[in-house]
């Protein structure tokens, strides 16, 4: 899926359609203090195997890509719900 680098779309902060720059949302490092991570560390600590079996079978054919729109007028950014695609590419138009 090829996406243009800039696109004119609605800015919720300006309240009107403006030029936006598109970038891919990067995954940030998971917090060690979250409950799920604390539970995972507790279960995997010490003697014993991994707490759950390895996933067998197929992988999903597509990945979900999240896009961040940054307004060129007010410089604020907002995310849009992810779209599924095999490949994701931001191209110069």
PDB file of N, CA and C in Angstrom:
ATOM      1  N   UNK A   1       0.852  -1.170   0.000  1.00  0.00           N
ATOM      2  CA  UNK A   1       0.000   0.000   0.000  1.00  0.00           C
ATOM      3  C   UNK A   1       0.897   1.231   0.000  1.00  0.00           C
ATOM      4  N   UNK A   2       0.759   2.067  -0.991  1.00  0.00           N
ATOM      5  CA  UNK A   2       1.548   3.285  -1.093  1.00  0.00           C
ATOM      6  C   UNK A   2       0.708   4.467  -0.644  1.00  0.00           C
ATOM      7  N   UNK A   3       1.282   5.265   0.259  1.00  0.00           N
ATOM      8  CA  UNK A   3       0.581   6.417   0.831  1.00  0.00           C
ATOM      9  C   UNK A   3       1.412   7.660   0.543  1.00  0.00           C
ATOM     10  N   UNK A   4       0.776   8.773   0.103  1.00  0.00           N
ATOM     11  CA  UNK A   4       1.544   9.999  -0.143  1.00  0.00           C
ATOM     12  C   UNK A   4       2.082  10.590   1.162  1.00  0.00           C
ATOM     13  N   UNK A   5       3.215  11.310   1.053  1.00  0.00           N
ATOM     14  CA  UNK A   5       3.855  11.893   2.236  1.00  0.00           C
ATOM     15  C   UNK A   5       3.011  13.008   2.855  1.00  0.00           C
ATOM     16  N   UNK A   6       2.336  13.798   2.006  1.00  0.00           N
ATOM     17  CA  UNK A   6       1.448  14.856   2.498  1.00  0.00           C
ATOM     18  C   UNK A   6       0.064  14.661   1.907  1.00  0.00           C
ATOM     19  N   UNK A   7      -0.954  14.995   2.714  1.00  0.00           N
ATOM     20  CA  UNK A   7      -2.336  14.848   2.280  1.00  0.00           C
ATOM     21  C   UNK A   7      -3.170  15.931   2.958  1.00  0.00           C
ATOM     22  N   UNK A   8      -4.223  16.380   2.272  1.00  0.00           N
ATOM     23  CA  UNK A   8      -5.111  17.390   2.849  1.00  0.00           C
ATOM     24  C   UNK A   8      -6.264  16.663   3.526  1.00  0.00           C
ATOM     25  N   UNK A   9      -6.375  16.808   4.850  1.00  0.00           N
ATOM     26  CA  UNK A   9      -7.414  16.125   5.619  1.00  0.00           C
ATOM     27  C   UNK A   9      -7.839  16.988   6.793  1.00  0.00           C
ATOM     28  N   UNK A  10      -8.855  16.547   7.514  1.00  0.00           N
ATOM     29  CA  UNK A  10      -9.431  17.324   8.613  1.00  0.00           C
ATOM     30  C   UNK A  10      -8.507  17.323   9.823  1.00  0.00           C
ATOM     31  N   UNK A  11      -8.278  18.505  10.384  1.00  0.00           N
ATOM     32  CA  UNK A  11      -7.492  18.646  11.616  1.00  0.00           C
ATOM     33  C   UNK A  11      -8.462  18.916  12.759  1.00  0.00           C
ATOM     34  N   UNK A  12      -8.527  18.018  13.771  1.00  0.00           N
ATOM     35  CA  UNK A  12      -9.463  18.241  14.878  1.00  0.00           C
ATOM     36  C   UNK A  12      -9.089  19.419  15.759  1.00  0.00           C
ATOM     37  N   UNK A  13      -7.851  19.880  15.680  1.00  0.00           N
ATOM     38  CA  UNK A  13      -7.411  21.015  16.506  1.00  0.00           C
ATOM     39  C   UNK A  13      -7.700  22.347  15.831  1.00  0.00           C
ATOM     40  N   UNK A  14      -7.468  22.424  14.501  1.00  0.00           N
ATOM     41  CA  UNK A  14      -7.781  23.642  13.747  1.00  0.00           C
ATOM     42  C   UNK A  14      -9.277  23.742  13.462  1.00  0.00           C
ATOM     43  N   UNK A  15      -9.947  22.591  13.351  1.00  0.00           N
ATOM     44  CA  UNK A  15     -11.367  22.562  13.039  1.00  0.00           C
ATOM     45  C   UNK A  15     -11.666  22.724  11.563  1.00  0.00           C
ATOM     46  N   UNK A  16     -10.651  22.494  10.723  1.00  0.00           N
ATOM     47  CA  UNK A  16     -10.852  22.607   9.277  1.00  0.00           C
ATOM     48  C   UNK A  16      -9.874  21.697   8.552  1.00  0.00           C
ATOM     49  N   UNK A  17     -10.020  21.583   7.233  1.00  0.00           N
ATOM     50  CA  UNK A  17      -9.125  20.760   6.425  1.00  0.00           C
ATOM     51  C   UNK A  17      -7.827  21.517   6.157  1.00  0.00           C
ATOM     52  N   UNK A  18      -6.703  20.879   6.470  1.00  0.00           N
ATOM     53  CA  UNK A  18      -5.389  21.468   6.240  1.00  0.00           C
ATOM     54  C   UNK A  18      -4.446  20.401   5.704  1.00  0.00           C
ATOM     55  N   UNK A  19      -3.265  20.831   5.266  1.00  0.00           N
ATOM     56  CA  UNK A  19      -2.236  19.892   4.810  1.00  0.00           C
ATOM     57  C   UNK A  19      -1.659  19.156   6.026  1.00  0.00           C
ATOM     58  N   UNK A  20      -1.509  17.846   5.894  1.00  0.00           N
ATOM     59  CA  UNK A  20      -0.931  17.023   6.957  1.00  0.00           C
ATOM     60  C   UNK A  20       0.233  16.215   6.409  1.00  0.00           C
ATOM     61  N   UNK A  21       1.234  16.024   7.242  1.00  0.00           N
ATOM     62  CA  UNK A  21       2.365  15.164   6.901  1.00  0.00           C
ATOM     63  C   UNK A  21       2.101  13.798   7.529  1.00  0.00           C
ATOM     64  N   UNK A  22       2.370  12.745   6.775  1.00  0.00           N
ATOM     65  CA  UNK A  22       2.081  11.387   7.234  1.00  0.00           C
ATOM     66  C   UNK A  22       3.368  10.710   7.677  1.00  0.00           C
ATOM     67  N   UNK A  23       3.309  10.022   8.816  1.00  0.00           N
ATOM     68  CA  UNK A  23       4.432   9.203   9.274  1.00  0.00           C
ATOM     69  C   UNK A  23       3.879   7.948   9.922  1.00  0.00           C
ATOM     70  N   UNK A  24       4.699   6.913   9.944  1.00  0.00           N
ATOM     71  CA  UNK A  24       4.301   5.637  10.522  1.00  0.00           C
ATOM     72  C   UNK A  24       4.474   5.707  12.033  1.00  0.00           C
ATOM     73  N   UNK A  25       3.501   5.190  12.775  1.00  0.00           N
ATOM     74  CA  UNK A  25       3.583   5.196  14.236  1.00  0.00           C
ATOM     75  C   UNK A  25       4.555   4.104  14.665  1.00  0.00           C
ATOM     76  N   UNK A  26       5.532   4.504  15.489  1.00  0.00           N
ATOM     77  CA  UNK A  26       6.524   3.556  15.969  1.00  0.00           C
ATOM     78  C   UNK A  26       6.061   2.962  17.289  1.00  0.00           C
ATOM     79  N   UNK A  27       6.366   1.686  17.490  1.00  0.00           N
ATOM     80  CA  UNK A  27       5.992   1.022  18.731  1.00  0.00           C
ATOM     81  C   UNK A  27       6.971   1.424  19.817  1.00  0.00           C
ATOM     82  N   UNK A  28       6.448   1.876  20.949  1.00  0.00           N
ATOM     83  CA  UNK A  28       7.345   2.273  22.028  1.00  0.00           C
ATOM     84  C   UNK A  28       7.636   1.089  22.934  1.00  0.00           C
ATOM     85  N   UNK A  29       8.672   1.226  23.753  1.00  0.00           N
ATOM     86  CA  UNK A  29       9.087   0.151  24.632  1.00  0.00           C
ATOM     87  C   UNK A  29       8.001  -0.085  25.673  1.00  0.00           C
ATOM     88  N   UNK A  30       7.660  -1.359  25.903  1.00  0.00           N
ATOM     89  CA  UNK A  30       6.621  -1.697  26.868  1.00  0.00           C
ATOM     90  C   UNK A  30       7.105  -1.386  28.280  1.00  0.00           C
ATOM     91  N   UNK A  31       6.225  -0.882  29.112  1.00  0.00           N
ATOM     92  CA  UNK A  31       6.587  -0.525  30.489  1.00  0.00           C
ATOM     93  C   UNK A  31       6.712  -1.786  31.329  1.00  0.00           C
ATOM     94  N   UNK A  32       7.762  -1.843  32.119  1.00  0.00           N
ATOM     95  CA  UNK A  32       7.985  -2.986  33.007  1.00  0.00           C
ATOM     96  C   UNK A  32       7.045  -2.946  34.211  1.00  0.00           C
ATOM     97  N   UNK A  33       6.401  -1.820  34.450  1.00  0.00           N
ATOM     98  CA  UNK A  33       5.552  -1.669  35.626  1.00  0.00           C
ATOM     99  C   UNK A  33       4.093  -2.039  35.366  1.00  0.00           C
ATOM    100  N   UNK A  34       3.728  -2.301  34.106  1.00  0.00           N
ATOM    101  CA  UNK A  34       2.349  -2.678  33.794  1.00  0.00           C
ATOM    102  C   UNK A  34       2.020  -4.041  34.383  1.00  0.00           C
ATOM    103  N   UNK A  35       0.752  -4.246  34.714  1.00  0.00           N
ATOM    104  CA  UNK A  35       0.331  -5.466  35.409  1.00  0.00           C
ATOM    105  C   UNK A  35       0.613  -6.714  34.590  1.00  0.00           C
ATOM    106  N   UNK A  36       0.332  -6.671  33.300  1.00  0.00           N
ATOM    107  CA  UNK A  36       0.565  -7.839  32.449  1.00  0.00           C
ATOM    108  C   UNK A  36       2.035  -8.223  32.395  1.00  0.00           C
ATOM    109  N   UNK A  37       2.906  -7.226  32.349  1.00  0.00           N
ATOM    110  CA  UNK A  37       4.343  -7.486  32.286  1.00  0.00           C
ATOM    111  C   UNK A  37       4.855  -8.011  33.626  1.00  0.00           C
ATOM    112  N   UNK A  38       4.314  -7.501  34.718  1.00  0.00           N
ATOM    113  CA  UNK A  38       4.710  -7.972  36.055  1.00  0.00           C
ATOM    114  C   UNK A  38       4.300  -9.428  36.234  1.00  0.00           C
ATOM    115  N   UNK A  39       3.094  -9.762  35.776  1.00  0.00           N
ATOM    116  CA  UNK A  39       2.621 -11.140  35.864  1.00  0.00           C
ATOM    117  C   UNK A  39       3.486 -12.058  35.000  1.00  0.00           C
ATOM    118  N   UNK A  40       3.832 -11.602  33.791  1.00  0.00           N
ATOM    119  CA  UNK A  40       4.665 -12.382  32.877  1.00  0.00           C
ATOM    120  C   UNK A  40       6.035 -12.652  33.498  1.00  0.00           C
ATOM    121  N   UNK A  41       6.643 -11.624  34.102  1.00  0.00           N
ATOM    122  CA  UNK A  41       7.956 -11.782  34.742  1.00  0.00           C
ATOM    123  C   UNK A  41       7.874 -12.772  35.910  1.00  0.00           C
ATOM    124  N   UNK A  42       6.792 -12.703  36.677  1.00  0.00           N
ATOM    125  CA  UNK A  42       6.630 -13.595  37.822  1.00  0.00           C
ATOM    126  C   UNK A  42       6.488 -15.046  37.367  1.00  0.00           C
ATOM    127  N   UNK A  43       5.715 -15.281  36.306  1.00  0.00           N
ATOM    128  CA  UNK A  43       5.460 -16.632  35.816  1.00  0.00           C
ATOM    129  C   UNK A  43       6.712 -17.226  35.180  1.00  0.00           C
ATOM    130  N   UNK A  44       7.480 -16.403  34.449  1.00  0.00           N
ATOM    131  CA  UNK A  44       8.660 -16.920  33.759  1.00  0.00           C
ATOM    132  C   UNK A  44       9.895 -16.986  34.662  1.00  0.00           C
ATOM    133  N   UNK A  45       9.839 -16.398  35.838  1.00  0.00           N
ATOM    134  CA  UNK A  45      10.996 -16.398  36.731  1.00  0.00           C
ATOM    135  C   UNK A  45      11.214 -17.785  37.333  1.00  0.00           C
ATOM    136  N   UNK A  46      12.469 -18.087  37.644  1.00  0.00           N
ATOM    137  CA  UNK A  46      12.787 -19.324  38.344  1.00  0.00           C
ATOM    138  C   UNK A  46      12.812 -20.542  37.453  1.00  0.00           C
ATOM    139  N   UNK A  47      12.678 -21.695  38.063  1.00  0.00           N
ATOM    140  CA  UNK A  47      12.767 -22.966  37.341  1.00  0.00           C
ATOM    141  C   UNK A  47      11.435 -23.279  36.684  1.00  0.00           C
ATOM    142  N   UNK A  48      11.473 -23.732  35.453  1.00  0.00           N
ATOM    143  CA  UNK A  48      10.228 -24.084  34.759  1.00  0.00           C
ATOM    144  C   UNK A  48      10.231 -23.543  33.351  1.00  0.00           C
ATOM    145  N   UNK A  49       9.302 -24.007  32.570  1.00  0.00           N
ATOM    146  CA  UNK A  49       9.246 -23.630  31.166  1.00  0.00           C
ATOM    147  C   UNK A  49       8.487 -22.341  30.940  1.00  0.00           C
ATOM    148  N   UNK A  50       8.317 -22.039  29.680  1.00  0.00           N
ATOM    149  CA  UNK A  50       7.569 -20.857  29.280  1.00  0.00           C
ATOM    150  C   UNK A  50       6.098 -21.063  29.659  1.00  0.00           C
ATOM    151  N   UNK A  51       5.382 -20.026  30.086  1.00  0.00           N
ATOM    152  CA  UNK A  51       4.041 -20.209  30.631  1.00  0.00           C
ATOM    153  C   UNK A  51       2.971 -20.637  29.629  1.00  0.00           C
ATOM    154  N   UNK A  52       3.233 -20.455  28.333  1.00  0.00           N
ATOM    155  CA  UNK A  52       2.222 -20.846  27.349  1.00  0.00           C
ATOM    156  C   UNK A  52       2.905 -21.480  26.150  1.00  0.00           C
ATOM    157  N   UNK A  53       2.189 -22.332  25.416  1.00  0.00           N
ATOM    158  CA  UNK A  53       2.820 -22.977  24.263  1.00  0.00           C
ATOM    159  C   UNK A  53       3.099 -21.985  23.136  1.00  0.00           C
ATOM    160  N   UNK A  54       4.061 -22.324  22.300  1.00  0.00           N
ATOM    161  CA  UNK A  54       4.345 -21.478  21.141  1.00  0.00           C
ATOM    162  C   UNK A  54       3.158 -21.551  20.192  1.00  0.00           C
ATOM    163  N   UNK A  55       2.795 -20.420  19.564  1.00  0.00           N
ATOM    164  CA  UNK A  55       1.651 -20.451  18.654  1.00  0.00           C
ATOM    165  C   UNK A  55       1.948 -21.291  17.421  1.00  0.00           C
ATOM    166  N   UNK A  56       1.148 -22.287  17.211  1.00  0.00           N
ATOM    167  CA  UNK A  56       1.306 -23.164  16.058  1.00  0.00           C
ATOM    168  C   UNK A  56       0.399 -22.679  14.937  1.00  0.00           C
ATOM    169  N   UNK A  57       0.752 -23.024  13.704  1.00  0.00           N
ATOM    170  CA  UNK A  57      -0.129 -22.718  12.586  1.00  0.00           C
ATOM    171  C   UNK A  57       0.287 -21.485  11.823  1.00  0.00           C
ATOM    172  N   UNK A  58      -0.676 -20.877  11.178  1.00  0.00           N
ATOM    173  CA  UNK A  58      -0.402 -19.792  10.237  1.00  0.00           C
ATOM    174  C   UNK A  58      -0.169 -18.449  10.932  1.00  0.00           C
ATOM    175  N   UNK A  59       0.543 -17.597  10.230  1.00  0.00           N
ATOM    176  CA  UNK A  59       0.644 -16.201  10.625  1.00  0.00           C
ATOM    177  C   UNK A  59      -0.422 -15.452   9.844  1.00  0.00           C
ATOM    178  N   UNK A  60      -0.775 -14.293  10.330  1.00  0.00           N
ATOM    179  CA  UNK A  60      -1.756 -13.493   9.589  1.00  0.00           C
ATOM    180  C   UNK A  60      -1.123 -13.021   8.278  1.00  0.00           C
ATOM    181  N   UNK A  61      -1.899 -12.980   7.191  1.00  0.00           N
ATOM    182  CA  UNK A  61      -1.331 -12.583   5.901  1.00  0.00           C
ATOM    183  C   UNK A  61      -1.011 -11.091   5.816  1.00  0.00           C
ATOM    184  N   UNK A  62      -1.642 -10.276   6.660  1.00  0.00           N
ATOM    185  CA  UNK A  62      -1.399  -8.833   6.626  1.00  0.00           C
ATOM    186  C   UNK A  62      -1.119  -8.317   8.027  1.00  0.00           C
ATOM    187  N   UNK A  63      -0.413  -7.185   8.097  1.00  0.00           N
ATOM    188  CA  UNK A  63      -0.158  -6.516   9.370  1.00  0.00           C
ATOM    189  C   UNK A  63      -0.986  -5.237   9.403  1.00  0.00           C
ATOM    190  N   UNK A  64      -1.280  -4.778  10.598  1.00  0.00           N
ATOM    191  CA  UNK A  64      -2.023  -3.535  10.740  1.00  0.00           C
ATOM    192  C   UNK A  64      -1.020  -2.394  10.902  1.00  0.00           C
ATOM    193  N   UNK A  65      -1.158  -1.364  10.072  1.00  0.00           N
ATOM    194  CA  UNK A  65      -0.254  -0.225  10.115  1.00  0.00           C
ATOM    195  C   UNK A  65      -1.005   0.996  10.620  1.00  0.00           C
ATOM    196  N   UNK A  66      -0.410   1.669  11.594  1.00  0.00           N
ATOM    197  CA  UNK A  66      -0.996   2.870  12.160  1.00  0.00           C
ATOM    198  C   UNK A  66      -0.266   4.079  11.608  1.00  0.00           C
ATOM    199  N   UNK A  67      -1.023   5.116  11.291  1.00  0.00           N
ATOM    200  CA  UNK A  67      -0.485   6.306  10.646  1.00  0.00           C
ATOM    201  C   UNK A  67      -0.698   7.510  11.549  1.00  0.00           C
ATOM    202  N   UNK A  68       0.341   8.369  11.628  1.00  0.00           N
ATOM    203  CA  UNK A  68       0.245   9.600  12.413  1.00  0.00           C
ATOM    204  C   UNK A  68       0.183  10.773  11.445  1.00  0.00           C
ATOM    205  N   UNK A  69      -0.850  11.619  11.597  1.00  0.00           N
ATOM    206  CA  UNK A  69      -1.012  12.804  10.777  1.00  0.00           C
ATOM    207  C   UNK A  69      -0.550  14.009  11.584  1.00  0.00           C
ATOM    208  N   UNK A  70       0.394  14.798  11.039  1.00  0.00           N
ATOM    209  CA  UNK A  70       0.877  16.006  11.707  1.00  0.00           C
ATOM    210  C   UNK A  70       0.458  17.210  10.877  1.00  0.00           C
ATOM    211  N   UNK A  71      -0.321  18.087  11.489  1.00  0.00           N
ATOM    212  CA  UNK A  71      -0.830  19.275  10.805  1.00  0.00           C
ATOM    213  C   UNK A  71       0.317  20.246  10.544  1.00  0.00           C
ATOM    214  N   UNK A  72       0.382  20.788   9.318  1.00  0.00           N
ATOM    215  CA  UNK A  72       1.443  21.728   8.970  1.00  0.00           C
ATOM    216  C   UNK A  72       1.154  23.136   9.490  1.00  0.00           C
ATOM    217  N   UNK A  73      -0.105  23.415   9.854  1.00  0.00           N
ATOM    218  CA  UNK A  73      -0.482  24.744  10.345  1.00  0.00           C
ATOM    219  C   UNK A  73      -0.233  24.855  11.845  1.00  0.00           C
ATOM    220  N   UNK A  74      -0.850  23.955  12.627  1.00  0.00           N
ATOM    221  CA  UNK A  74      -0.740  24.047  14.091  1.00  0.00           C
ATOM    222  C   UNK A  74       0.312  23.103  14.673  1.00  0.00           C
ATOM    223  N   UNK A  75       0.911  22.248  13.843  1.00  0.00           N
ATOM    224  CA  UNK A  75       1.977  21.314  14.236  1.00  0.00           C
ATOM    225  C   UNK A  75       1.534  20.229  15.221  1.00  0.00           C
ATOM    226  N   UNK A  76       0.222  20.101  15.445  1.00  0.00           N
ATOM    227  CA  UNK A  76      -0.275  19.043  16.324  1.00  0.00           C
ATOM    228  C   UNK A  76      -0.525  17.794  15.500  1.00  0.00           C
ATOM    229  N   UNK A  77      -0.442  16.635  16.162  1.00  0.00           N
ATOM    230  CA  UNK A  77      -0.620  15.389  15.427  1.00  0.00           C
ATOM    231  C   UNK A  77      -1.725  14.553  16.045  1.00  0.00           C
ATOM    232  N   UNK A  78      -2.352  13.737  15.200  1.00  0.00           N
ATOM    233  CA  UNK A  78      -3.372  12.803  15.663  1.00  0.00           C
ATOM    234  C   UNK A  78      -3.216  11.502  14.893  1.00  0.00           C
ATOM    235  N   UNK A  79      -3.576  10.407  15.557  1.00  0.00           N
ATOM    236  CA  UNK A  79      -3.475   9.090  14.948  1.00  0.00           C
ATOM    237  C   UNK A  79      -4.799   8.703  14.324  1.00  0.00           C
ATOM    238  N   UNK A  80      -4.727   7.831  13.321  1.00  0.00           N
ATOM    239  CA  UNK A  80      -5.913   7.323  12.646  1.00  0.00           C
ATOM    240  C   UNK A  80      -5.931   5.816  12.823  1.00  0.00           C
ATOM    241  N   UNK A  81      -7.121   5.244  12.899  1.00  0.00           N
ATOM    242  CA  UNK A  81      -7.264   3.801  13.076  1.00  0.00           C
ATOM    243  C   UNK A  81      -6.475   3.053  12.006  1.00  0.00           C
ATOM    244  N   UNK A  82      -5.810   1.954  12.427  1.00  0.00           N
ATOM    245  CA  UNK A  82      -4.914   1.220  11.537  1.00  0.00           C
ATOM    246  C   UNK A  82      -5.614   0.542  10.378  1.00  0.00           C
ATOM    247  N   UNK A  83      -4.905   0.449   9.270  1.00  0.00           N
ATOM    248  CA  UNK A  83      -5.390  -0.254   8.089  1.00  0.00           C
ATOM    249  C   UNK A  83      -4.516  -1.484   7.883  1.00  0.00           C
ATOM    250  N   UNK A  84      -5.084  -2.529   7.314  1.00  0.00           N
ATOM    251  CA  UNK A  84      -4.329  -3.756   7.069  1.00  0.00           C
ATOM    252  C   UNK A  84      -3.737  -3.730   5.660  1.00  0.00           C
ATOM    253  N   UNK A  85      -2.464  -4.120   5.578  1.00  0.00           N
ATOM    254  CA  UNK A  85      -1.792  -4.202   4.282  1.00  0.00           C
ATOM    255  C   UNK A  85      -0.587  -5.117   4.405  1.00  0.00           C
ATOM    256  N   UNK A  86      -0.231  -5.760   3.292  1.00  0.00           N
ATOM    257  CA  UNK A  86       0.959  -6.611   3.305  1.00  0.00           C
ATOM    258  C   UNK A  86       2.208  -5.755   3.402  1.00  0.00           C
ATOM    259  N   UNK A  87       2.242  -4.673   2.601  1.00  0.00           N
ATOM    260  CA  UNK A  87       3.373  -3.748   2.642  1.00  0.00           C
ATOM    261  C   UNK A  87       2.824  -2.353   2.845  1.00  0.00           C
ATOM    262  N   UNK A  88       3.594  -1.516   3.544  1.00  0.00           N
ATOM    263  CA  UNK A  88       3.194  -0.132   3.765  1.00  0.00           C
ATOM    264  C   UNK A  88       4.367   0.762   3.398  1.00  0.00           C
ATOM    265  N   UNK A  89       4.120   1.720   2.518  1.00  0.00           N
ATOM    266  CA  UNK A  89       5.189   2.557   2.009  1.00  0.00           C
ATOM    267  C   UNK A  89       4.701   3.997   1.895  1.00  0.00           C
ATOM    268  N   UNK A  90       5.485   4.951   2.423  1.00  0.00           N
ATOM    269  CA  UNK A  90       5.168   6.364   2.288  1.00  0.00           C
ATOM    270  C   UNK A  90       5.999   6.902   1.123  1.00  0.00           C
ATOM    271  N   UNK A  91       5.308   7.415   0.095  1.00  0.00           N
ATOM    272  CA  UNK A  91       5.991   7.852  -1.127  1.00  0.00           C
ATOM    273  C   UNK A  91       5.864   9.361  -1.318  1.00  0.00           C
ATOM    274  N   UNK A  92       6.845   9.931  -2.017  1.00  0.00           N
ATOM    275  CA  UNK A  92       6.835  11.345  -2.394  1.00  0.00           C
ATOM    276  C   UNK A  92       5.959  11.488  -3.625  1.00  0.00           C
ATOM    277  N   UNK A  93       5.044  12.465  -3.595  1.00  0.00           N
ATOM    278  CA  UNK A  93       4.144  12.659  -4.750  1.00  0.00           C
ATOM    279  C   UNK A  93       4.521  13.903  -5.507  1.00  0.00           C
TER     280      UNK A  93
END
